[in-house]
Amino acid sequence: MAKDKIVAKNVTFEQALQKLETIVTEIEQGKVSLEESIEKYAEGTKLITKCRSILDQAEKKIAILSSNEGSELQVSGDLPEQDES
């Protein structure tokens, strides 16, 4: 159960992704027993959920920032003309 709390709180996207990559490598290389593979698979699915949650939050923040900027954006110069020859 302690692992669940570690995955759920205070884990950055980069940390979760690194741990997920480690788990995948260990399972693919057969470095762990079947029992451990199942446990690591379960941990990996929780890490994937955490990564998706972090990405969803980031996407929402970007959407909010973009919508705020959209009302304030102004053209600061002309684009160079392109020769159509």
PDB file of N, CA and C in Angstrom:
ATOM      1  N   MET A   1       0.807  -1.211   0.000  1.00  0.00           N
ATOM      2  CA  MET A   1       0.000   0.000   0.000  1.00  0.00           C
ATOM      3  C   MET A   1       0.845   1.268   0.000  1.00  0.00           C
ATOM      4  N   ALA A   2       2.021   1.216   0.612  1.00  0.00           N
ATOM      5  CA  ALA A   2       2.888   2.384   0.647  1.00  0.00           C
ATOM      6  C   ALA A   2       3.286   2.808  -0.763  1.00  0.00           C
ATOM      7  N   LYS A   3       3.485   1.834  -1.650  1.00  0.00           N
ATOM      8  CA  LYS A   3       3.836   2.154  -3.028  1.00  0.00           C
ATOM      9  C   LYS A   3       2.746   2.970  -3.690  1.00  0.00           C
ATOM     10  N   ASP A   4       1.488   2.638  -3.402  1.00  0.00           N
ATOM     11  CA  ASP A   4       0.362   3.361  -3.991  1.00  0.00           C
ATOM     12  C   ASP A   4       0.433   4.836  -3.633  1.00  0.00           C
ATOM     13  N   LYS A   5       0.759   5.148  -2.369  1.00  0.00           N
ATOM     14  CA  LYS A   5       0.832   6.532  -1.928  1.00  0.00           C
ATOM     15  C   LYS A   5       1.994   7.247  -2.594  1.00  0.00           C
ATOM     16  N   ILE A   6       3.110   6.545  -2.788  1.00  0.00           N
ATOM     17  CA  ILE A   6       4.265   7.151  -3.443  1.00  0.00           C
ATOM     18  C   ILE A   6       3.921   7.494  -4.881  1.00  0.00           C
ATOM     19  N   VAL A   7       3.226   6.615  -5.568  1.00  0.00           N
ATOM     20  CA  VAL A   7       2.843   6.877  -6.955  1.00  0.00           C
ATOM     21  C   VAL A   7       1.823   8.014  -7.010  1.00  0.00           C
ATOM     22  N   ALA A   8       0.907   8.059  -6.062  1.00  0.00           N
ATOM     23  CA  ALA A   8      -0.185   9.018  -6.114  1.00  0.00           C
ATOM     24  C   ALA A   8       0.226  10.440  -5.747  1.00  0.00           C
ATOM     25  N   LYS A   9       1.249  10.598  -4.892  1.00  0.00           N
ATOM     26  CA  LYS A   9       1.588  11.940  -4.420  1.00  0.00           C
ATOM     27  C   LYS A   9       3.048  12.274  -4.706  1.00  0.00           C
ATOM     28  N   ASN A  10       3.279  13.553  -4.933  1.00  0.00           N
ATOM     29  CA  ASN A  10       4.637  14.097  -5.032  1.00  0.00           C
ATOM     30  C   ASN A  10       5.531  13.412  -6.059  1.00  0.00           C
ATOM     31  N   VAL A  11       4.976  12.903  -7.110  1.00  0.00           N
ATOM     32  CA  VAL A  11       5.771  12.298  -8.180  1.00  0.00           C
ATOM     33  C   VAL A  11       5.620  13.178  -9.402  1.00  0.00           C
ATOM     34  N   THR A  12       6.746  13.614  -9.945  1.00  0.00           N
ATOM     35  CA  THR A  12       6.696  14.431 -11.151  1.00  0.00           C
ATOM     36  C   THR A  12       6.473  13.524 -12.363  1.00  0.00           C
ATOM     37  N   PHE A  13       6.117  14.146 -13.452  1.00  0.00           N
ATOM     38  CA  PHE A  13       5.925  13.393 -14.686  1.00  0.00           C
ATOM     39  C   PHE A  13       7.205  12.667 -15.071  1.00  0.00           C
ATOM     40  N   GLU A  14       8.315  13.370 -14.970  1.00  0.00           N
ATOM     41  CA  GLU A  14       9.606  12.792 -15.352  1.00  0.00           C
ATOM     42  C   GLU A  14       9.970  11.599 -14.465  1.00  0.00           C
ATOM     43  N   GLN A  15       9.714  11.710 -13.158  1.00  0.00           N
ATOM     44  CA  GLN A  15      10.007  10.616 -12.243  1.00  0.00           C
ATOM     45  C   GLN A  15       9.138   9.400 -12.552  1.00  0.00           C
ATOM     46  N   ALA A  16       7.857   9.645 -12.790  1.00  0.00           N
ATOM     47  CA  ALA A  16       6.941   8.550 -13.095  1.00  0.00           C
ATOM     48  C   ALA A  16       7.323   7.871 -14.402  1.00  0.00           C
ATOM     49  N   LEU A  17       7.688   8.659 -15.392  1.00  0.00           N
ATOM     50  CA  LEU A  17       8.074   8.109 -16.686  1.00  0.00           C
ATOM     51  C   LEU A  17       9.364   7.295 -16.573  1.00  0.00           C
ATOM     52  N   GLN A  18      10.321   7.799 -15.815  1.00  0.00           N
ATOM     53  CA  GLN A  18      11.577   7.069 -15.624  1.00  0.00           C
ATOM     54  C   GLN A  18      11.332   5.732 -14.927  1.00  0.00           C
ATOM     55  N   LYS A  19      10.501   5.749 -13.895  1.00  0.00           N
ATOM     56  CA  LYS A  19      10.188   4.511 -13.177  1.00  0.00           C
ATOM     57  C   LYS A  19       9.465   3.538 -14.106  1.00  0.00           C
ATOM     58  N   LEU A  20       8.571   4.044 -14.914  1.00  0.00           N
ATOM     59  CA  LEU A  20       7.842   3.209 -15.864  1.00  0.00           C
ATOM     60  C   LEU A  20       8.801   2.575 -16.864  1.00  0.00           C
ATOM     61  N   GLU A  21       9.749   3.349 -17.371  1.00  0.00           N
ATOM     62  CA  GLU A  21      10.743   2.812 -18.306  1.00  0.00           C
ATOM     63  C   GLU A  21      11.589   1.721 -17.649  1.00  0.00           C
ATOM     64  N   THR A  22      11.933   1.918 -16.380  1.00  0.00           N
ATOM     65  CA  THR A  22      12.700   0.910 -15.644  1.00  0.00           C
ATOM     66  C   THR A  22      11.907  -0.374 -15.503  1.00  0.00           C
ATOM     67  N   ILE A  23      10.649  -0.245 -15.170  1.00  0.00           N
ATOM     68  CA  ILE A  23       9.778  -1.421 -15.014  1.00  0.00           C
ATOM     69  C   ILE A  23       9.685  -2.185 -16.326  1.00  0.00           C
ATOM     70  N   VAL A  24       9.449  -1.469 -17.415  1.00  0.00           N
ATOM     71  CA  VAL A  24       9.327  -2.114 -18.724  1.00  0.00           C
ATOM     72  C   VAL A  24      10.611  -2.851 -19.082  1.00  0.00           C
ATOM     73  N   THR A  25      11.748  -2.209 -18.856  1.00  0.00           N
ATOM     74  CA  THR A  25      13.040  -2.837 -19.164  1.00  0.00           C
ATOM     75  C   THR A  25      13.243  -4.102 -18.345  1.00  0.00           C
ATOM     76  N   GLU A  26      12.944  -4.036 -17.049  1.00  0.00           N
ATOM     77  CA  GLU A  26      13.119  -5.202 -16.183  1.00  0.00           C
ATOM     78  C   GLU A  26      12.236  -6.368 -16.629  1.00  0.00           C
ATOM     79  N   ILE A  27      11.007  -6.066 -16.970  1.00  0.00           N
ATOM     80  CA  ILE A  27      10.086  -7.128 -17.405  1.00  0.00           C
ATOM     81  C   ILE A  27      10.530  -7.689 -18.752  1.00  0.00           C
ATOM     82  N   GLU A  28      10.870  -6.806 -19.700  1.00  0.00           N
ATOM     83  CA  GLU A  28      11.284  -7.268 -21.030  1.00  0.00           C
ATOM     84  C   GLU A  28      12.549  -8.113 -20.988  1.00  0.00           C
ATOM     85  N   GLN A  29      13.461  -7.762 -20.109  1.00  0.00           N
ATOM     86  CA  GLN A  29      14.723  -8.495 -20.030  1.00  0.00           C
ATOM     87  C   GLN A  29      14.625  -9.742 -19.158  1.00  0.00           C
ATOM     88  N   GLY A  30      13.476  -9.981 -18.579  1.00  0.00           N
ATOM     89  CA  GLY A  30      13.285 -11.176 -17.759  1.00  0.00           C
ATOM     90  C   GLY A  30      14.071 -11.136 -16.462  1.00  0.00           C
ATOM     91  N   LYS A  31      14.335  -9.953 -15.948  1.00  0.00           N
ATOM     92  CA  LYS A  31      15.116  -9.815 -14.720  1.00  0.00           C
ATOM     93  C   LYS A  31      14.300 -10.096 -13.464  1.00  0.00           C
ATOM     94  N   VAL A  32      13.010 -10.261 -13.620  1.00  0.00           N
ATOM     95  CA  VAL A  32      12.144 -10.467 -12.455  1.00  0.00           C
ATOM     96  C   VAL A  32      11.310 -11.731 -12.648  1.00  0.00           C
ATOM     97  N   SER A  33      10.896 -12.290 -11.529  1.00  0.00           N
ATOM     98  CA  SER A  33      10.062 -13.494 -11.576  1.00  0.00           C
ATOM     99  C   SER A  33       8.665 -13.142 -12.085  1.00  0.00           C
ATOM    100  N   LEU A  34       7.891 -14.161 -12.350  1.00  0.00           N
ATOM    101  CA  LEU A  34       6.516 -13.947 -12.809  1.00  0.00           C
ATOM    102  C   LEU A  34       5.720 -13.164 -11.776  1.00  0.00           C
ATOM    103  N   GLU A  35       5.866 -13.534 -10.513  1.00  0.00           N
ATOM    104  CA  GLU A  35       5.149 -12.832  -9.440  1.00  0.00           C
ATOM    105  C   GLU A  35       5.527 -11.351  -9.416  1.00  0.00           C
ATOM    106  N   GLU A  36       6.831 -11.079  -9.494  1.00  0.00           N
ATOM    107  CA  GLU A  36       7.299  -9.692  -9.492  1.00  0.00           C
ATOM    108  C   GLU A  36       6.826  -8.960 -10.753  1.00  0.00           C
ATOM    109  N   SER A  37       6.806  -9.662 -11.865  1.00  0.00           N
ATOM    110  CA  SER A  37       6.340  -9.061 -13.114  1.00  0.00           C
ATOM    111  C   SER A  37       4.906  -8.577 -12.977  1.00  0.00           C
ATOM    112  N   ILE A  38       4.091  -9.376 -12.337  1.00  0.00           N
ATOM    113  CA  ILE A  38       2.688  -9.000 -12.144  1.00  0.00           C
ATOM    114  C   ILE A  38       2.592  -7.777 -11.239  1.00  0.00           C
ATOM    115  N   GLU A  39       3.385  -7.757 -10.163  1.00  0.00           N
ATOM    116  CA  GLU A  39       3.386  -6.605  -9.263  1.00  0.00           C
ATOM    117  C   GLU A  39       3.884  -5.357  -9.989  1.00  0.00           C
ATOM    118  N   LYS A  40       4.936  -5.514 -10.763  1.00  0.00           N
ATOM    119  CA  LYS A  40       5.494  -4.381 -11.498  1.00  0.00           C
ATOM    120  C   LYS A  40       4.532  -3.898 -12.581  1.00  0.00           C
ATOM    121  N   TYR A  41       3.826  -4.834 -13.192  1.00  0.00           N
ATOM    122  CA  TYR A  41       2.819  -4.462 -14.184  1.00  0.00           C
ATOM    123  C   TYR A  41       1.739  -3.600 -13.530  1.00  0.00           C
ATOM    124  N   ALA A  42       1.297  -4.007 -12.344  1.00  0.00           N
ATOM    125  CA  ALA A  42       0.281  -3.242 -11.619  1.00  0.00           C
ATOM    126  C   ALA A  42       0.809  -1.852 -11.270  1.00  0.00           C
ATOM    127  N   GLU A  43       2.049  -1.793 -10.816  1.00  0.00           N
ATOM    128  CA  GLU A  43       2.658  -0.504 -10.502  1.00  0.00           C
ATOM    129  C   GLU A  43       2.769   0.348 -11.767  1.00  0.00           C
ATOM    130  N   GLY A  44       3.120  -0.289 -12.871  1.00  0.00           N
ATOM    131  CA  GLY A  44       3.234   0.415 -14.138  1.00  0.00           C
ATOM    132  C   GLY A  44       1.920   1.021 -14.588  1.00  0.00           C
ATOM    133  N   THR A  45       0.827   0.295 -14.404  1.00  0.00           N
ATOM    134  CA  THR A  45      -0.478   0.845 -14.799  1.00  0.00           C
ATOM    135  C   THR A  45      -0.832   2.055 -13.944  1.00  0.00           C
ATOM    136  N   LYS A  46      -0.443   2.031 -12.674  1.00  0.00           N
ATOM    137  CA  LYS A  46      -0.686   3.191 -11.813  1.00  0.00           C
ATOM    138  C   LYS A  46       0.170   4.371 -12.251  1.00  0.00           C
ATOM    139  N   LEU A  47       1.388   4.091 -12.654  1.00  0.00           N
ATOM    140  CA  LEU A  47       2.265   5.156 -13.144  1.00  0.00           C
ATOM    141  C   LEU A  47       1.730   5.760 -14.439  1.00  0.00           C
ATOM    142  N   ILE A  48       1.204   4.916 -15.309  1.00  0.00           N
ATOM    143  CA  ILE A  48       0.603   5.414 -16.556  1.00  0.00           C
ATOM    144  C   ILE A  48      -0.574   6.329 -16.235  1.00  0.00           C
ATOM    145  N   THR A  49      -1.402   5.919 -15.286  1.00  0.00           N
ATOM    146  CA  THR A  49      -2.540   6.742 -14.873  1.00  0.00           C
ATOM    147  C   THR A  49      -2.056   8.078 -14.331  1.00  0.00           C
ATOM    148  N   LYS A  50      -0.996   8.052 -13.530  1.00  0.00           N
ATOM    149  CA  LYS A  50      -0.429   9.282 -12.972  1.00  0.00           C
ATOM    150  C   LYS A  50       0.093  10.187 -14.092  1.00  0.00           C
ATOM    151  N   CYS A  51       0.828   9.617 -15.040  1.00  0.00           N
ATOM    152  CA  CYS A  51       1.354  10.405 -16.160  1.00  0.00           C
ATOM    153  C   CYS A  51       0.225  11.035 -16.966  1.00  0.00           C
ATOM    154  N   ARG A  52      -0.810  10.273 -17.232  1.00  0.00           N
ATOM    155  CA  ARG A  52      -1.954  10.814 -17.986  1.00  0.00           C
ATOM    156  C   ARG A  52      -2.623  11.949 -17.237  1.00  0.00           C
ATOM    157  N   SER A  53      -2.736  11.792 -15.922  1.00  0.00           N
ATOM    158  CA  SER A  53      -3.345  12.835 -15.100  1.00  0.00           C
ATOM    159  C   SER A  53      -2.526  14.117 -15.155  1.00  0.00           C
ATOM    160  N   ILE A  54      -1.219  13.988 -15.039  1.00  0.00           N
ATOM    161  CA  ILE A  54      -0.336  15.152 -15.107  1.00  0.00           C
ATOM    162  C   ILE A  54      -0.443  15.819 -16.471  1.00  0.00           C
ATOM    163  N   LEU A  55      -0.459  15.022 -17.533  1.00  0.00           N
ATOM    164  CA  LEU A  55      -0.578  15.577 -18.888  1.00  0.00           C
ATOM    165  C   LEU A  55      -1.922  16.259 -19.098  1.00  0.00           C
ATOM    166  N   ASP A  56      -2.995  15.669 -18.569  1.00  0.00           N
ATOM    167  CA  ASP A  56      -4.323  16.284 -18.679  1.00  0.00           C
ATOM    168  C   ASP A  56      -4.346  17.641 -17.984  1.00  0.00           C
ATOM    169  N   GLN A  57      -3.747  17.705 -16.798  1.00  0.00           N
ATOM    170  CA  GLN A  57      -3.702  18.976 -16.069  1.00  0.00           C
ATOM    171  C   GLN A  57      -2.900  20.018 -16.846  1.00  0.00           C
ATOM    172  N   ALA A  58      -1.783  19.591 -17.405  1.00  0.00           N
ATOM    173  CA  ALA A  58      -0.956  20.512 -18.193  1.00  0.00           C
ATOM    174  C   ALA A  58      -1.720  21.011 -19.415  1.00  0.00           C
ATOM    175  N   GLU A  59      -2.446  20.109 -20.062  1.00  0.00           N
ATOM    176  CA  GLU A  59      -3.235  20.488 -21.238  1.00  0.00           C
ATOM    177  C   GLU A  59      -4.298  21.514 -20.877  1.00  0.00           C
ATOM    178  N   LYS A  60      -4.946  21.326 -19.730  1.00  0.00           N
ATOM    179  CA  LYS A  60      -5.971  22.276 -19.287  1.00  0.00           C
ATOM    180  C   LYS A  60      -5.357  23.636 -18.996  1.00  0.00           C
ATOM    181  N   LYS A  61      -4.178  23.647 -18.361  1.00  0.00           N
ATOM    182  CA  LYS A  61      -3.506  24.911 -18.072  1.00  0.00           C
ATOM    183  C   LYS A  61      -3.131  25.624 -19.366  1.00  0.00           C
ATOM    184  N   ILE A  62      -2.643  24.876 -20.335  1.00  0.00           N
ATOM    185  CA  ILE A  62      -2.270  25.469 -21.627  1.00  0.00           C
ATOM    186  C   ILE A  62      -3.497  26.032 -22.322  1.00  0.00           C
ATOM    187  N   ALA A  63      -4.602  25.305 -22.258  1.00  0.00           N
ATOM    188  CA  ALA A  63      -5.843  25.790 -22.882  1.00  0.00           C
ATOM    189  C   ALA A  63      -6.300  27.090 -22.231  1.00  0.00           C
ATOM    190  N   ILE A  64      -6.194  27.167 -20.913  1.00  0.00           N
ATOM    191  CA  ILE A  64      -6.588  28.385 -20.206  1.00  0.00           C
ATOM    192  C   ILE A  64      -5.665  29.537 -20.591  1.00  0.00           C
ATOM    193  N   LEU A  65      -4.364  29.273 -20.606  1.00  0.00           N
ATOM    194  CA  LEU A  65      -3.405  30.311 -20.982  1.00  0.00           C
ATOM    195  C   LEU A  65      -3.623  30.761 -22.419  1.00  0.00           C
ATOM    196  N   SER A  66      -3.891  29.804 -23.291  1.00  0.00           N
ATOM    197  CA  SER A  66      -4.107  30.136 -24.696  1.00  0.00           C
ATOM    198  C   SER A  66      -5.362  30.969 -24.882  1.00  0.00           C
ATOM    199  N   SER A  67      -6.414  30.635 -24.153  1.00  0.00           N
ATOM    200  CA  SER A  67      -7.661  31.396 -24.301  1.00  0.00           C
ATOM    201  C   SER A  67      -7.493  32.802 -23.756  1.00  0.00           C
ATOM    202  N   ASN A  68      -6.720  32.951 -22.698  1.00  0.00           N
ATOM    203  CA  ASN A  68      -6.453  34.292 -22.160  1.00  0.00           C
ATOM    204  C   ASN A  68      -5.596  35.098 -23.116  1.00  0.00           C
ATOM    205  N   GLU A  69      -4.618  34.471 -23.706  1.00  0.00           N
ATOM    206  CA  GLU A  69      -3.751  35.165 -24.652  1.00  0.00           C
ATOM    207  C   GLU A  69      -4.503  35.525 -25.925  1.00  0.00           C
ATOM    208  N   GLY A  70      -5.434  34.675 -26.341  1.00  0.00           N
ATOM    209  CA  GLY A  70      -6.153  34.891 -27.582  1.00  0.00           C
ATOM    210  C   GLY A  70      -6.877  36.219 -27.614  1.00  0.00           C
ATOM    211  N   SER A  71      -7.376  36.654 -26.487  1.00  0.00           N
ATOM    212  CA  SER A  71      -8.103  37.923 -26.465  1.00  0.00           C
ATOM    213  C   SER A  71      -7.163  39.113 -26.447  1.00  0.00           C
ATOM    214  N   GLU A  72      -5.902  38.884 -26.139  1.00  0.00           N
ATOM    215  CA  GLU A  72      -4.961  39.986 -26.035  1.00  0.00           C
ATOM    216  C   GLU A  72      -3.930  40.005 -27.164  1.00  0.00           C
ATOM    217  N   LEU A  73      -3.928  39.011 -28.016  1.00  0.00           N
ATOM    218  CA  LEU A  73      -2.927  38.948 -29.068  1.00  0.00           C
ATOM    219  C   LEU A  73      -3.143  40.053 -30.085  1.00  0.00           C
ATOM    220  N   GLN A  74      -2.043  40.656 -30.476  1.00  0.00           N
ATOM    221  CA  GLN A  74      -2.085  41.687 -31.497  1.00  0.00           C
ATOM    222  C   GLN A  74      -0.950  41.437 -32.473  1.00  0.00           C
ATOM    223  N   VAL A  75      -1.171  41.828 -33.700  1.00  0.00           N
ATOM    224  CA  VAL A  75      -0.142  41.670 -34.718  1.00  0.00           C
ATOM    225  C   VAL A  75       0.944  42.695 -34.443  1.00  0.00           C
ATOM    226  N   SER A  76       2.191  42.221 -34.406  1.00  0.00           N
ATOM    227  CA  SER A  76       3.287  43.142 -34.109  1.00  0.00           C
ATOM    228  C   SER A  76       4.087  43.494 -35.350  1.00  0.00           C
ATOM    229  N   GLY A  77       3.776  42.884 -36.460  1.00  0.00           N
ATOM    230  CA  GLY A  77       4.496  43.178 -37.691  1.00  0.00           C
ATOM    231  C   GLY A  77       3.897  42.410 -38.841  1.00  0.00           C
ATOM    232  N   ASP A  78       4.327  42.746 -40.028  1.00  0.00           N
ATOM    233  CA  ASP A  78       3.825  42.065 -41.214  1.00  0.00           C
ATOM    234  C   ASP A  78       4.685  40.855 -41.530  1.00  0.00           C
ATOM    235  N   LEU A  79       4.064  39.858 -42.106  1.00  0.00           N
ATOM    236  CA  LEU A  79       4.810  38.709 -42.589  1.00  0.00           C
ATOM    237  C   LEU A  79       5.479  39.092 -43.901  1.00  0.00           C
ATOM    238  N   PRO A  80       6.664  38.556 -44.156  1.00  0.00           N
ATOM    239  CA  PRO A  80       7.326  38.868 -45.433  1.00  0.00           C
ATOM    240  C   PRO A  80       6.500  38.330 -46.595  1.00  0.00           C
ATOM    241  N   GLU A  81       6.451  39.119 -47.667  1.00  0.00           N
ATOM    242  CA  GLU A  81       5.706  38.674 -48.844  1.00  0.00           C
ATOM    243  C   GLU A  81       6.442  37.549 -49.520  1.00  0.00           C
ATOM    244  N   GLN A  82       5.680  36.578 -50.042  1.00  0.00           N
ATOM    245  CA  GLN A  82       6.277  35.451 -50.734  1.00  0.00           C
ATOM    246  C   GLN A  82       6.126  35.644 -52.228  1.00  0.00           C
ATOM    247  N   ASP A  83       7.176  35.370 -52.958  1.00  0.00           N
ATOM    248  CA  ASP A  83       7.173  35.464 -54.407  1.00  0.00           C
ATOM    249  C   ASP A  83       6.514  34.217 -54.968  1.00  0.00           C
ATOM    250  N   GLU A  84       5.453  34.357 -55.735  1.00  0.00           N
ATOM    251  CA  GLU A  84       4.697  33.219 -56.247  1.00  0.00           C
ATOM    252  C   GLU A  84       5.164  32.798 -57.642  1.00  0.00           C
ATOM    253  N   SER A  85       6.360  33.117 -58.054  1.00  0.00           N
ATOM    254  CA  SER A  85       6.815  32.756 -59.390  1.00  0.00           C
ATOM    255  C   SER A  85       7.336  31.373 -59.509  1.00  0.00           C
TER     256      SER A  85
END
